[in-house]
Protein backbone atom coordinates (compact mmCIF):
# COMPACT_ATOMS: atom_id res chain seq x y z
CA MET A 1 110.94 -20.89 90.93
CA SER A 2 109.93 -23.70 88.37
CA ILE A 3 110.04 -23.95 84.80
CA VAL A 4 106.31 -23.76 83.78
CA ILE A 5 105.21 -25.81 80.90
CA VAL A 6 102.00 -25.58 79.46
CA GLY A 7 100.46 -27.50 76.81
CA LEU A 8 96.95 -26.76 75.34
CA GLY A 9 94.59 -29.05 74.34
CA ASN A 10 91.06 -30.28 74.81
CA PRO A 11 90.17 -32.74 77.78
CA GLY A 12 88.77 -35.91 77.14
CA LYS A 13 89.47 -39.41 75.62
CA GLU A 14 87.68 -37.80 72.49
CA TYR A 15 90.12 -35.07 71.77
CA LYS A 16 93.14 -37.66 71.79
CA LYS A 17 95.25 -37.70 68.74
CA THR A 18 93.69 -34.39 67.34
CA ARG A 19 95.19 -31.41 65.97
CA HIS A 20 94.02 -29.14 68.48
CA ASN A 21 95.67 -30.91 71.09
CA ALA A 22 99.63 -30.79 69.77
CA GLY A 23 100.72 -29.38 72.45
CA ARG A 24 99.29 -31.63 75.37
CA SER A 25 100.52 -33.94 73.51
CA ALA A 26 104.12 -32.72 72.96
CA VAL A 27 103.89 -32.36 76.57
CA GLU A 28 103.14 -35.77 77.69
CA LEU A 29 105.83 -36.80 75.49
CA VAL A 30 108.24 -34.44 77.88
CA ALA A 31 106.88 -36.26 81.06
CA SER A 32 107.08 -39.95 79.35
CA ALA A 33 110.44 -39.00 77.92
CA GLY A 34 114.17 -41.33 79.01
CA GLY A 35 116.48 -39.18 77.82
CA GLY A 36 117.69 -37.04 75.39
CA SER A 37 120.71 -34.90 74.60
CA ALA A 38 118.97 -31.61 75.90
CA SER A 39 118.73 -33.49 79.46
CA GLY A 40 122.16 -34.71 79.21
CA GLY A 41 121.21 -38.71 78.88
CA LYS A 42 119.94 -38.27 82.22
CA LYS A 43 116.45 -39.71 82.48
CA ASN A 44 113.61 -37.19 83.51
CA ASN A 45 112.15 -38.36 86.96
CA PHE A 46 108.16 -36.99 86.09
CA SER A 47 105.67 -39.51 87.79
CA GLU A 48 102.44 -39.13 86.90
CA PHE A 49 99.82 -36.97 85.88
CA VAL A 50 97.64 -35.80 89.30
CA PHE A 51 94.42 -33.61 89.15
CA ASN A 52 94.83 -30.74 90.60
CA LYS A 53 90.91 -29.23 91.64
CA LYS A 54 91.76 -25.70 92.25
CA SER A 55 93.79 -24.84 89.42
CA LYS A 56 91.51 -27.42 87.19
CA THR A 57 94.64 -29.42 85.89
CA LEU A 58 96.86 -31.90 85.18
CA ILE A 59 100.09 -31.89 86.66
CA THR A 60 103.40 -33.34 87.72
CA LYS A 61 106.50 -31.94 89.03
CA GLY A 62 110.30 -33.57 88.08
CA ASN A 63 113.67 -32.28 87.54
CA ILE A 64 114.74 -31.88 83.44
CA GLY A 65 118.36 -32.27 83.84
CA LYS A 66 119.10 -30.14 86.86
CA GLU A 67 116.12 -27.87 86.50
CA SER A 68 112.84 -28.38 87.78
CA ALA A 69 109.77 -28.21 85.80
CA VAL A 70 106.42 -28.36 86.32
CA LEU A 71 104.17 -29.33 83.46
CA VAL A 72 100.73 -28.44 83.00
CA LEU A 73 97.81 -29.74 81.29
CA PRO A 74 94.50 -27.81 81.81
CA GLU A 75 91.30 -30.08 82.03
CA THR A 76 89.85 -27.06 80.69
CA PHE A 77 89.06 -26.68 77.03
CA VAL A 78 91.85 -24.86 74.87
CA ASN A 79 89.55 -21.78 74.59
CA LEU A 80 89.74 -20.99 78.57
CA SER A 81 93.48 -22.27 79.50
CA GLY A 82 94.29 -18.24 81.03
CA LYS A 83 92.04 -19.55 84.46
CA ALA A 84 94.46 -22.53 84.25
CA VAL A 85 97.88 -21.08 83.93
CA SER A 86 97.11 -17.97 86.02
CA ALA A 87 96.92 -20.41 89.17
CA PHE A 88 100.78 -21.16 88.50
CA ILE A 89 101.79 -17.56 87.34
CA LYS A 90 101.13 -15.24 89.41
CA SER A 91 102.45 -12.05 87.83
CA PRO A 92 103.88 -10.52 84.71
CA LYS A 93 107.52 -11.06 86.15
CA ALA A 94 106.95 -14.47 86.54
CA ALA A 95 105.96 -15.12 83.08
CA LYS A 96 109.57 -15.57 82.07
CA ASN A 97 109.67 -18.85 83.10
CA LEU A 98 106.03 -19.98 81.29
CA LEU A 99 106.45 -22.02 78.06
CA VAL A 100 103.43 -22.95 75.83
CA VAL A 101 103.29 -25.30 73.49
CA HIS A 102 100.60 -25.22 71.07
CA ASP A 103 99.03 -25.89 67.92
CA ASP A 104 99.42 -23.38 64.99
CA LEU A 105 97.14 -22.87 61.76
CA ASP A 106 99.13 -20.17 60.68
CA LEU A 107 102.11 -23.26 60.27
CA PRO A 108 101.98 -26.02 57.80
CA LEU A 109 101.85 -29.89 59.05
CA GLY A 110 105.69 -30.46 59.46
CA THR A 111 106.96 -26.92 61.23
CA VAL A 112 107.40 -25.92 64.81
CA LYS A 113 108.03 -22.47 65.98
CA MET A 114 110.21 -20.96 68.88
CA VAL A 115 108.70 -17.93 69.90
CA PHE A 116 109.07 -15.16 72.91
CA GLY A 117 106.91 -11.68 73.85
CA ARG A 118 104.88 -12.63 70.38
CA GLY A 119 101.12 -11.79 69.74
CA SER A 120 98.39 -14.79 69.60
CA GLY A 121 98.06 -15.10 65.78
CA GLY A 122 94.40 -15.68 66.28
CA HIS A 123 94.68 -18.53 68.89
CA LYS A 124 92.66 -18.56 71.22
CA GLY A 125 94.41 -20.51 74.13
CA VAL A 126 96.65 -18.26 73.85
CA GLU A 127 94.93 -15.12 73.73
CA SER A 128 93.25 -16.55 77.17
CA ILE A 129 96.35 -16.33 78.92
CA MET A 130 97.62 -13.24 77.69
CA ARG A 131 94.73 -11.45 79.16
CA ALA A 132 95.26 -14.03 82.72
CA ILE A 133 98.41 -13.36 83.23
CA LYS A 134 98.60 -10.03 81.70
CA THR A 135 101.79 -10.05 79.54
CA ASN A 136 102.68 -11.30 76.28
CA ALA A 137 105.94 -11.63 77.58
CA PHE A 138 106.61 -15.47 77.64
CA ALA A 139 107.82 -18.65 75.44
CA ARG A 140 105.65 -20.62 73.20
CA ILE A 141 106.41 -23.49 71.19
CA ARG A 142 103.82 -23.52 68.06
CA ILE A 143 103.67 -26.88 66.58
CA GLY A 144 102.27 -26.66 62.57
CA VAL A 145 98.88 -28.16 61.95
CA ALA A 146 97.69 -26.14 58.15
CA PRO A 147 97.36 -28.49 55.40
CA VAL A 148 100.58 -28.46 53.08
CA TRP A 149 99.93 -26.48 50.23
CA LYS A 150 102.25 -25.36 47.39
CA LYS A 151 105.55 -24.51 47.93
CA ASN A 152 105.19 -26.32 51.83
CA GLN A 153 103.21 -23.20 53.28
CA ALA A 154 100.75 -23.07 54.76
CA LYS A 155 97.02 -23.61 53.19
CA LYS A 156 94.42 -21.28 55.07
CA LEU A 157 90.76 -22.31 55.88
CA ARG A 158 88.84 -19.32 55.70
CA ASP A 159 85.40 -21.12 56.83
CA ASP A 160 85.11 -21.15 60.23
CA GLU A 161 83.28 -24.43 60.76
CA LYS A 162 86.12 -25.70 58.41
CA VAL A 163 88.69 -24.50 61.04
CA ILE A 164 87.10 -26.21 63.30
CA LYS A 165 86.29 -29.25 62.06
CA HIS A 166 90.52 -29.31 61.23
CA VAL A 167 91.84 -28.79 64.69
CA ILE A 168 89.46 -30.75 66.75
CA GLY A 169 89.36 -33.48 63.60
CA LYS A 170 91.90 -36.17 64.61
CA TRP A 171 95.37 -37.55 62.88
CA LYS A 172 95.45 -39.20 59.40
CA PRO A 173 96.89 -42.11 59.52
CA SER A 174 99.52 -40.56 56.18
CA GLU A 175 100.08 -37.59 59.07
CA GLU A 176 101.56 -39.79 62.08
CA ALA A 177 105.17 -40.20 61.03
CA ILE A 178 105.19 -36.89 60.83
CA VAL A 179 103.44 -36.22 63.41
CA LYS A 180 105.52 -38.37 65.69
CA LYS A 181 109.16 -36.62 64.00
CA VAL A 182 107.15 -33.24 65.45
CA LEU A 183 106.33 -33.46 68.65
CA LYS A 184 109.94 -35.25 69.40
CA LYS A 185 111.51 -32.20 68.53
CA SER A 186 109.00 -29.88 70.07
CA ALA A 187 110.01 -32.16 73.53
CA GLU A 188 113.58 -32.12 72.70
CA ALA A 189 112.87 -28.08 72.07
CA VAL A 190 110.79 -28.22 75.60
CA ARG A 191 114.39 -29.71 77.16
CA LEU A 192 116.53 -27.21 75.99
CA PHE A 193 114.72 -24.71 77.05
CA ALA A 194 114.70 -25.97 80.68
CA THR A 195 118.65 -26.29 80.60
CA SER A 196 120.09 -24.17 78.20
CA GLY A 197 117.55 -21.17 78.34
CA LEU A 198 115.78 -19.86 75.25
CA ALA A 199 118.47 -18.83 72.52
CA SER A 200 119.37 -22.18 72.00
CA ALA A 201 115.71 -23.79 72.38
CA THR A 202 115.20 -21.16 69.58
CA GLN A 203 117.81 -22.17 67.26
CA PHE A 204 117.17 -25.66 67.84
CA ALA A 205 113.36 -25.37 66.71
CA ASN A 206 113.52 -22.78 63.99
CA THR A 207 115.72 -24.21 62.63
CA ARG A 208 114.67 -27.11 59.37
């Protein structure tokens, strides 16, 4: 079975380069990357993303190293991601081949964390996926989007309006260099997951 890699985000040009689309941006980078250490220097052979009407997703199929993979970008809003993912993951057992990449307000900007079998942390898109495939036993790459507070901690946004404004806001020019580095690291973690497995990808992603 192919590895299914899902990048969460909102569809449409107006949401490009927003914090909520960090996962989507990382998976787009995987599709366009020309190689890298995790792929053994071999070029990825993904074509352009194509809309799949049945699953309401943009998908492309190809190889990462020697492993076949399907890259999926839900064309639903983030909170409804589960319906899209369930079109590819038909059972809790199949979830071992799933990797979800998403933004995370509990992590400061510049941080990447890989987890497996953890709770949603309040992320509505992740919650939607867990409900739809009836398990939390799948891998995730969490990309920090929170403002950086003292001692490089995530600054908590208490007000719902501030949270929404922050996550659907675009990256500031002063953040773009950090974002580029983080997306590159996330894409490399995706490739490691496909070629070397969860343990190697987790070690790489969680080492600062």
